[in-house]
Amino acid sequence: MRPFFKIFVLVITFFGAACGSAEDQINQRAATAKSSKTASVGPDGMAIFRQYCVTCHGADGKLALNGAKDLTISILTLEERINIITNGKKLMTPFNEILTPEEIKAVAEYTRTLAVQK
């Protein structure tokens, strides 16, 4: 009788762990939703700016090397910034083949944060 009891306990334990309680299932769904939101955060505009743009624009956007514009006083719209980053302008490299559209938008959004607050 003992081996049967051990098998019975193992089977019950297995099904209990596999099925879980309703609360466990809700918690698992919440954790999955949270991780998918975290995964879809998108590119880090500041990090990309620091990698590709600081040489001419500077970390604070004011360097203006090689004809680069002072980003702290720029009044360009988001769409205009995206266009210039994508296609370049004068000496500025076009980034359409270097960065994804999402990365370009993230950089454009980040450059707006460099504007001097009045």
N, C-alpha and C. Protein backbone atom coordinates (compact mmCIF):
# COMPACT_ATOMS: atom_id res chain seq x y z
N MET A 1 0.81 -1.19 0.00
CA MET A 1 0.00 0.00 0.00
C MET A 1 0.85 1.26 0.00
N ARG A 2 2.02 1.19 0.58
CA ARG A 2 2.87 2.36 0.68
C ARG A 2 3.29 2.89 -0.69
N PRO A 3 3.73 2.03 -1.63
CA PRO A 3 4.13 2.57 -2.94
C PRO A 3 2.96 3.29 -3.63
N PHE A 4 1.76 2.77 -3.48
CA PHE A 4 0.60 3.42 -4.07
C PHE A 4 0.41 4.81 -3.47
N PHE A 5 0.58 4.93 -2.17
CA PHE A 5 0.41 6.20 -1.48
C PHE A 5 1.45 7.21 -1.99
N LYS A 6 2.69 6.78 -2.18
CA LYS A 6 3.75 7.67 -2.67
C LYS A 6 3.42 8.15 -4.10
N ILE A 7 2.96 7.26 -4.92
CA ILE A 7 2.60 7.62 -6.29
C ILE A 7 1.42 8.60 -6.26
N PHE A 8 0.44 8.33 -5.42
CA PHE A 8 -0.72 9.21 -5.29
C PHE A 8 -0.28 10.62 -4.88
N VAL A 9 0.61 10.73 -3.90
CA VAL A 9 1.10 12.03 -3.45
C VAL A 9 1.86 12.73 -4.57
N LEU A 10 2.68 12.01 -5.30
CA LEU A 10 3.42 12.60 -6.41
C LEU A 10 2.48 13.12 -7.49
N VAL A 11 1.46 12.35 -7.82
CA VAL A 11 0.51 12.76 -8.85
C VAL A 11 -0.25 14.01 -8.40
N ILE A 12 -0.70 14.05 -7.18
CA ILE A 12 -1.42 15.21 -6.65
C ILE A 12 -0.49 16.43 -6.63
N THR A 13 0.74 16.24 -6.21
CA THR A 13 1.71 17.34 -6.17
C THR A 13 1.96 17.87 -7.57
N PHE A 14 2.12 16.96 -8.54
CA PHE A 14 2.37 17.37 -9.92
C PHE A 14 1.21 18.19 -10.47
N PHE A 15 -0.01 17.69 -10.30
CA PHE A 15 -1.17 18.41 -10.82
C PHE A 15 -1.38 19.73 -10.08
N GLY A 16 -1.12 19.73 -8.80
CA GLY A 16 -1.26 20.97 -8.03
C GLY A 16 -0.27 22.01 -8.51
N ALA A 17 0.95 21.60 -8.78
CA ALA A 17 1.97 22.54 -9.25
C ALA A 17 1.68 22.98 -10.68
N ALA A 18 1.19 22.06 -11.49
CA ALA A 18 0.93 22.39 -12.89
C ALA A 18 -0.27 23.32 -13.03
N CYS A 19 -1.29 23.08 -12.25
CA CYS A 19 -2.50 23.89 -12.37
C CYS A 19 -2.39 25.17 -11.57
N GLY A 20 -1.90 25.09 -10.36
CA GLY A 20 -1.80 26.28 -9.52
C GLY A 20 -3.16 26.80 -9.13
N SER A 21 -3.16 27.71 -8.21
CA SER A 21 -4.42 28.31 -7.80
C SER A 21 -4.79 29.42 -8.75
N ALA A 22 -6.01 29.88 -8.65
CA ALA A 22 -6.47 31.00 -9.48
C ALA A 22 -5.62 32.24 -9.20
N GLU A 23 -5.28 32.43 -7.92
CA GLU A 23 -4.45 33.58 -7.55
C GLU A 23 -3.07 33.49 -8.20
N ASP A 24 -2.49 32.30 -8.23
CA ASP A 24 -1.19 32.12 -8.88
C ASP A 24 -1.27 32.44 -10.37
N GLN A 25 -2.36 32.01 -10.99
CA GLN A 25 -2.52 32.28 -12.42
C GLN A 25 -2.68 33.78 -12.68
N ILE A 26 -3.41 34.47 -11.83
CA ILE A 26 -3.57 35.92 -11.97
C ILE A 26 -2.23 36.61 -11.79
N ASN A 27 -1.48 36.19 -10.77
CA ASN A 27 -0.16 36.78 -10.54
C ASN A 27 0.78 36.53 -11.71
N GLN A 28 0.70 35.34 -12.29
CA GLN A 28 1.54 35.02 -13.44
C GLN A 28 1.18 35.90 -14.64
N ARG A 29 -0.12 36.10 -14.88
CA ARG A 29 -0.55 36.97 -15.98
C ARG A 29 -0.08 38.40 -15.76
N ALA A 30 -0.17 38.89 -14.53
CA ALA A 30 0.27 40.25 -14.21
C ALA A 30 1.77 40.39 -14.45
N ALA A 31 2.54 39.39 -14.04
CA ALA A 31 3.99 39.43 -14.24
C ALA A 31 4.33 39.41 -15.73
N THR A 32 3.60 38.61 -16.50
CA THR A 32 3.83 38.54 -17.94
C THR A 32 3.49 39.87 -18.60
N ALA A 33 2.39 40.47 -18.21
CA ALA A 33 2.00 41.77 -18.77
C ALA A 33 3.04 42.83 -18.42
N LYS A 34 3.52 42.81 -17.19
CA LYS A 34 4.52 43.79 -16.76
C LYS A 34 5.81 43.61 -17.55
N SER A 35 6.25 42.37 -17.74
CA SER A 35 7.50 42.14 -18.48
C SER A 35 7.35 42.50 -19.94
N SER A 36 6.17 42.32 -20.53
CA SER A 36 5.98 42.70 -21.93
C SER A 36 5.95 44.22 -22.07
N LYS A 37 5.42 44.93 -21.07
CA LYS A 37 5.47 46.39 -21.10
C LYS A 37 6.90 46.87 -20.98
N THR A 38 7.67 46.24 -20.11
CA THR A 38 9.06 46.61 -19.92
C THR A 38 9.84 46.33 -21.20
N ALA A 39 9.56 45.24 -21.86
CA ALA A 39 10.27 44.87 -23.07
C ALA A 39 9.96 45.82 -24.22
N SER A 40 8.81 46.46 -24.20
CA SER A 40 8.42 47.33 -25.30
C SER A 40 8.69 48.81 -25.02
N VAL A 41 9.62 49.07 -24.11
CA VAL A 41 9.92 50.45 -23.74
C VAL A 41 10.46 51.24 -24.91
N GLY A 42 11.27 50.66 -25.74
CA GLY A 42 11.80 51.36 -26.90
C GLY A 42 13.23 51.80 -26.70
N PRO A 43 13.81 52.39 -27.74
CA PRO A 43 15.22 52.77 -27.71
C PRO A 43 15.49 53.93 -26.74
N ASP A 44 16.71 53.98 -26.24
CA ASP A 44 17.15 55.03 -25.32
C ASP A 44 17.77 56.16 -26.13
N GLY A 45 16.99 57.22 -26.34
CA GLY A 45 17.44 58.36 -27.15
C GLY A 45 18.71 59.00 -26.62
N MET A 46 18.84 59.11 -25.31
CA MET A 46 20.03 59.72 -24.72
C MET A 46 21.27 58.89 -25.02
N ALA A 47 21.17 57.58 -24.87
CA ALA A 47 22.31 56.71 -25.13
C ALA A 47 22.72 56.77 -26.60
N ILE A 48 21.75 56.78 -27.48
CA ILE A 48 22.06 56.85 -28.92
C ILE A 48 22.67 58.20 -29.25
N PHE A 49 22.14 59.28 -28.67
CA PHE A 49 22.70 60.62 -28.86
C PHE A 49 24.16 60.65 -28.40
N ARG A 50 24.43 60.08 -27.25
CA ARG A 50 25.80 60.06 -26.72
C ARG A 50 26.74 59.25 -27.61
N GLN A 51 26.21 58.23 -28.24
CA GLN A 51 27.04 57.40 -29.11
C GLN A 51 27.36 58.08 -30.43
N TYR A 52 26.38 58.75 -31.04
CA TYR A 52 26.53 59.25 -32.40
C TYR A 52 26.63 60.77 -32.53
N CYS A 53 26.12 61.52 -31.58
CA CYS A 53 25.91 62.95 -31.80
C CYS A 53 26.81 63.88 -31.00
N VAL A 54 27.37 63.41 -29.89
CA VAL A 54 28.13 64.31 -29.01
C VAL A 54 29.40 64.87 -29.65
N THR A 55 29.96 64.18 -30.61
CA THR A 55 31.18 64.66 -31.24
C THR A 55 30.98 66.05 -31.83
N CYS A 56 29.86 66.29 -32.45
CA CYS A 56 29.59 67.60 -33.07
C CYS A 56 28.69 68.49 -32.22
N HIS A 57 27.68 67.88 -31.56
CA HIS A 57 26.71 68.67 -30.80
C HIS A 57 27.10 68.85 -29.34
N GLY A 58 27.99 67.98 -28.82
CA GLY A 58 28.35 68.03 -27.41
C GLY A 58 27.30 67.37 -26.55
N ALA A 59 27.69 66.98 -25.35
CA ALA A 59 26.77 66.28 -24.45
C ALA A 59 25.59 67.16 -24.06
N ASP A 60 25.81 68.48 -24.00
CA ASP A 60 24.74 69.39 -23.62
C ASP A 60 24.03 70.02 -24.82
N GLY A 61 24.46 69.64 -26.04
CA GLY A 61 23.82 70.16 -27.25
C GLY A 61 24.36 71.49 -27.72
N LYS A 62 25.39 72.05 -27.04
CA LYS A 62 25.88 73.39 -27.35
C LYS A 62 27.21 73.43 -28.09
N LEU A 63 27.85 72.33 -28.35
CA LEU A 63 29.21 72.33 -28.88
C LEU A 63 29.31 73.01 -30.24
N ALA A 64 28.39 72.74 -31.15
CA ALA A 64 28.33 73.37 -32.47
C ALA A 64 29.62 73.21 -33.26
N LEU A 65 30.18 72.03 -33.26
CA LEU A 65 31.40 71.72 -34.01
C LEU A 65 31.03 71.33 -35.44
N ASN A 66 31.86 71.70 -36.40
CA ASN A 66 31.64 71.36 -37.81
C ASN A 66 30.31 71.88 -38.35
N GLY A 67 29.86 73.00 -37.85
CA GLY A 67 28.61 73.59 -38.33
C GLY A 67 27.36 73.03 -37.68
N ALA A 68 27.53 72.16 -36.66
CA ALA A 68 26.37 71.60 -35.97
C ALA A 68 25.62 72.71 -35.25
N LYS A 69 24.33 72.59 -35.22
CA LYS A 69 23.47 73.60 -34.59
C LYS A 69 23.47 73.44 -33.06
N ASP A 70 23.29 74.54 -32.37
CA ASP A 70 23.13 74.55 -30.92
C ASP A 70 21.72 74.05 -30.63
N LEU A 71 21.62 72.86 -30.11
CA LEU A 71 20.31 72.24 -29.89
C LEU A 71 19.55 72.85 -28.72
N THR A 72 20.24 73.61 -27.88
CA THR A 72 19.56 74.21 -26.73
C THR A 72 18.67 75.38 -27.13
N ILE A 73 18.88 75.91 -28.34
CA ILE A 73 18.05 77.04 -28.81
C ILE A 73 17.22 76.68 -30.04
N SER A 74 17.28 75.42 -30.44
CA SER A 74 16.54 74.99 -31.62
C SER A 74 15.04 75.07 -31.40
N ILE A 75 14.34 75.53 -32.42
CA ILE A 75 12.87 75.62 -32.36
C ILE A 75 12.21 74.64 -33.34
N LEU A 76 13.00 73.70 -33.84
CA LEU A 76 12.47 72.72 -34.79
C LEU A 76 11.42 71.84 -34.13
N THR A 77 10.43 71.46 -34.92
CA THR A 77 9.41 70.52 -34.44
C THR A 77 10.01 69.12 -34.39
N LEU A 78 9.30 68.21 -33.76
CA LEU A 78 9.75 66.83 -33.70
C LEU A 78 9.91 66.26 -35.11
N GLU A 79 8.95 66.52 -35.98
CA GLU A 79 9.00 66.00 -37.35
C GLU A 79 10.21 66.56 -38.11
N GLU A 80 10.52 67.84 -37.91
CA GLU A 80 11.68 68.44 -38.57
C GLU A 80 12.98 67.81 -38.06
N ARG A 81 13.05 67.56 -36.77
CA ARG A 81 14.23 66.91 -36.19
C ARG A 81 14.39 65.50 -36.77
N ILE A 82 13.29 64.76 -36.82
CA ILE A 82 13.33 63.41 -37.38
C ILE A 82 13.83 63.46 -38.82
N ASN A 83 13.34 64.40 -39.61
CA ASN A 83 13.75 64.54 -41.00
C ASN A 83 15.25 64.82 -41.12
N ILE A 84 15.77 65.72 -40.31
CA ILE A 84 17.19 66.06 -40.38
C ILE A 84 18.05 64.88 -39.92
N ILE A 85 17.66 64.22 -38.84
CA ILE A 85 18.43 63.06 -38.37
C ILE A 85 18.39 61.95 -39.42
N THR A 86 17.25 61.75 -40.03
CA THR A 86 17.10 60.70 -41.03
C THR A 86 17.91 60.99 -42.29
N ASN A 87 17.77 62.21 -42.82
CA ASN A 87 18.35 62.53 -44.13
C ASN A 87 19.64 63.34 -44.08
N GLY A 88 20.01 63.83 -42.91
CA GLY A 88 21.19 64.66 -42.78
C GLY A 88 20.92 66.07 -43.29
N LYS A 89 21.92 66.94 -43.10
CA LYS A 89 21.81 68.32 -43.58
C LYS A 89 23.22 68.90 -43.62
N LYS A 90 23.60 69.44 -44.76
CA LYS A 90 24.95 69.97 -44.97
C LYS A 90 25.98 68.91 -44.59
N LEU A 91 26.79 69.15 -43.56
CA LEU A 91 27.83 68.19 -43.18
C LEU A 91 27.32 67.05 -42.29
N MET A 92 26.09 67.16 -41.82
CA MET A 92 25.57 66.14 -40.91
C MET A 92 25.26 64.84 -41.65
N THR A 93 25.73 63.77 -41.08
CA THR A 93 25.52 62.43 -41.63
C THR A 93 24.04 62.07 -41.62
N PRO A 94 23.52 61.51 -42.71
CA PRO A 94 22.15 60.96 -42.65
C PRO A 94 22.20 59.63 -41.90
N PHE A 95 21.31 59.45 -40.97
CA PHE A 95 21.32 58.26 -40.13
C PHE A 95 20.29 57.22 -40.56
N ASN A 96 19.66 57.40 -41.72
CA ASN A 96 18.62 56.46 -42.16
C ASN A 96 19.14 55.05 -42.38
N GLU A 97 20.42 54.88 -42.64
CA GLU A 97 20.97 53.54 -42.83
C GLU A 97 21.76 53.06 -41.61
N ILE A 98 21.82 53.90 -40.58
CA ILE A 98 22.56 53.55 -39.36
C ILE A 98 21.61 53.22 -38.23
N LEU A 99 20.54 54.00 -38.11
CA LEU A 99 19.57 53.84 -37.03
C LEU A 99 18.21 53.43 -37.57
N THR A 100 17.44 52.77 -36.74
CA THR A 100 16.06 52.42 -37.12
C THR A 100 15.19 53.66 -36.98
N PRO A 101 14.02 53.67 -37.61
CA PRO A 101 13.11 54.81 -37.43
C PRO A 101 12.76 55.06 -35.96
N GLU A 102 12.64 54.00 -35.18
CA GLU A 102 12.33 54.14 -33.75
C GLU A 102 13.50 54.80 -33.02
N GLU A 103 14.72 54.42 -33.36
CA GLU A 103 15.90 55.04 -32.74
C GLU A 103 16.02 56.51 -33.12
N ILE A 104 15.75 56.81 -34.38
CA ILE A 104 15.80 58.20 -34.85
C ILE A 104 14.78 59.04 -34.09
N LYS A 105 13.58 58.52 -33.93
CA LYS A 105 12.55 59.26 -33.19
C LYS A 105 12.97 59.45 -31.73
N ALA A 106 13.57 58.43 -31.14
CA ALA A 106 14.01 58.54 -29.74
C ALA A 106 15.08 59.63 -29.60
N VAL A 107 16.01 59.70 -30.56
CA VAL A 107 17.03 60.75 -30.52
C VAL A 107 16.39 62.12 -30.69
N ALA A 108 15.47 62.24 -31.64
CA ALA A 108 14.78 63.51 -31.88
C ALA A 108 14.04 63.97 -30.62
N GLU A 109 13.36 63.04 -29.96
CA GLU A 109 12.66 63.37 -28.72
C GLU A 109 13.65 63.79 -27.64
N TYR A 110 14.78 63.09 -27.55
CA TYR A 110 15.79 63.46 -26.55
C TYR A 110 16.34 64.86 -26.81
N THR A 111 16.59 65.20 -28.07
CA THR A 111 17.17 66.53 -28.36
C THR A 111 16.24 67.64 -27.92
N ARG A 112 14.95 67.39 -27.87
CA ARG A 112 14.00 68.41 -27.40
C ARG A 112 14.20 68.71 -25.92
N THR A 113 14.72 67.73 -25.17
CA THR A 113 14.93 67.92 -23.74
C THR A 113 16.14 68.82 -23.47
N LEU A 114 16.97 69.05 -24.48
CA LEU A 114 18.16 69.87 -24.32
C LEU A 114 17.86 71.37 -24.40
N ALA A 115 16.67 71.73 -24.83
CA ALA A 115 16.30 73.13 -24.99
C ALA A 115 16.38 73.87 -23.66
N VAL A 116 16.91 75.08 -23.73
CA VAL A 116 17.00 75.92 -22.54
C VAL A 116 15.60 76.33 -22.12
N GLN A 117 15.28 76.09 -20.87
CA GLN A 117 13.96 76.46 -20.34
C GLN A 117 13.92 77.95 -20.06
N LYS A 118 12.90 78.60 -20.53
CA LYS A 118 12.78 80.05 -20.33
C LYS A 118 11.81 80.37 -19.23
